[in-house]
């Protein structure tokens, strides 16, 4: 026997209103939808819960018993929410967070926005940095939390998988490479690129990979953020190396094409790192858990190459 909270809340609304339509309205539901849910609830309970009449709806003995228990259950649920929420509301302090470009633009901002909106006494010093520099900064105590591509092999650091992302070559739909399912990065370097600004970790990474391929990078223009980069790609200015998580809305809409890269470095595990001696019940640990447990982030950890979310970047 399994009861849904939404059905119980609807049941209580009908009890209070004495009328199905009024109860449905209080729950912002249509009357047919409420009627369907009520029938399912009565089926689950194994007994009619109301006696219907021209004067309204009155509880049966089974309905009265359910109403008593529902009152206790919903009250306990509310108390639980208030008690758990108090832990977040009572957090105070400042957290220093370093992140590489992919994690910052693809994942962190939505998590951060929700957390800060709910915790007015916490400030976050958020800075972008190259993945190669982040672990060292955490070890030295220059920052509290780092999120970067790669993994830290250091006894002083605690490293946890944060998200899985794939770098792709974003192209306008009419670009000469747009019909290709996948290419090597070296081949893409024969074309002009739209890049993030010169100080960004994304540009540093792109320039490093071009140098390793023995080719120069043809930068048509630098843009301040990924939104501007993607706008320029959609306009036909050139290619861009971007995380799938950033390009996904455009890939789904068909306003640009994601070309999968054959290079092994294109599929990247993003890790969250803190110092081993960070207090297990302290602010840093609690905020790290918020970042790690964001549903939008945890979903990526089960997304393997070839899964639906990557389909637009892996045609063919």
Foldseek 3Di string as FASTA:
>chain_A
DDDDLLLLQLLVLCAVVLAQCRSCVVSVHHSVVNVVSQVVVCVVLVHRQWDQDPVGTDGDPSVVVSNVVSVVVVVVVVVVVVVVLVVLQPDADEFEEEEAQACVQQADPVLVVVSCVSHVRYYYRYDYDAQVCFVVCQLVVVGFKYKYWDFDPDPFKDKDFFFKWFKWKKAACPDPCQVAQEEAVQVQQVWEAEEADPPHNQVVVNQVVCVVSVHGHHYPYHDHGVVVRVVCRLVGNGIYTHILSNCQVCLVVVSIATHHHPDPPRITTMMMMGTPPDDCPHPSVVSVVSSRPDVVRVVRVPDDPPDPSCCRNRPD
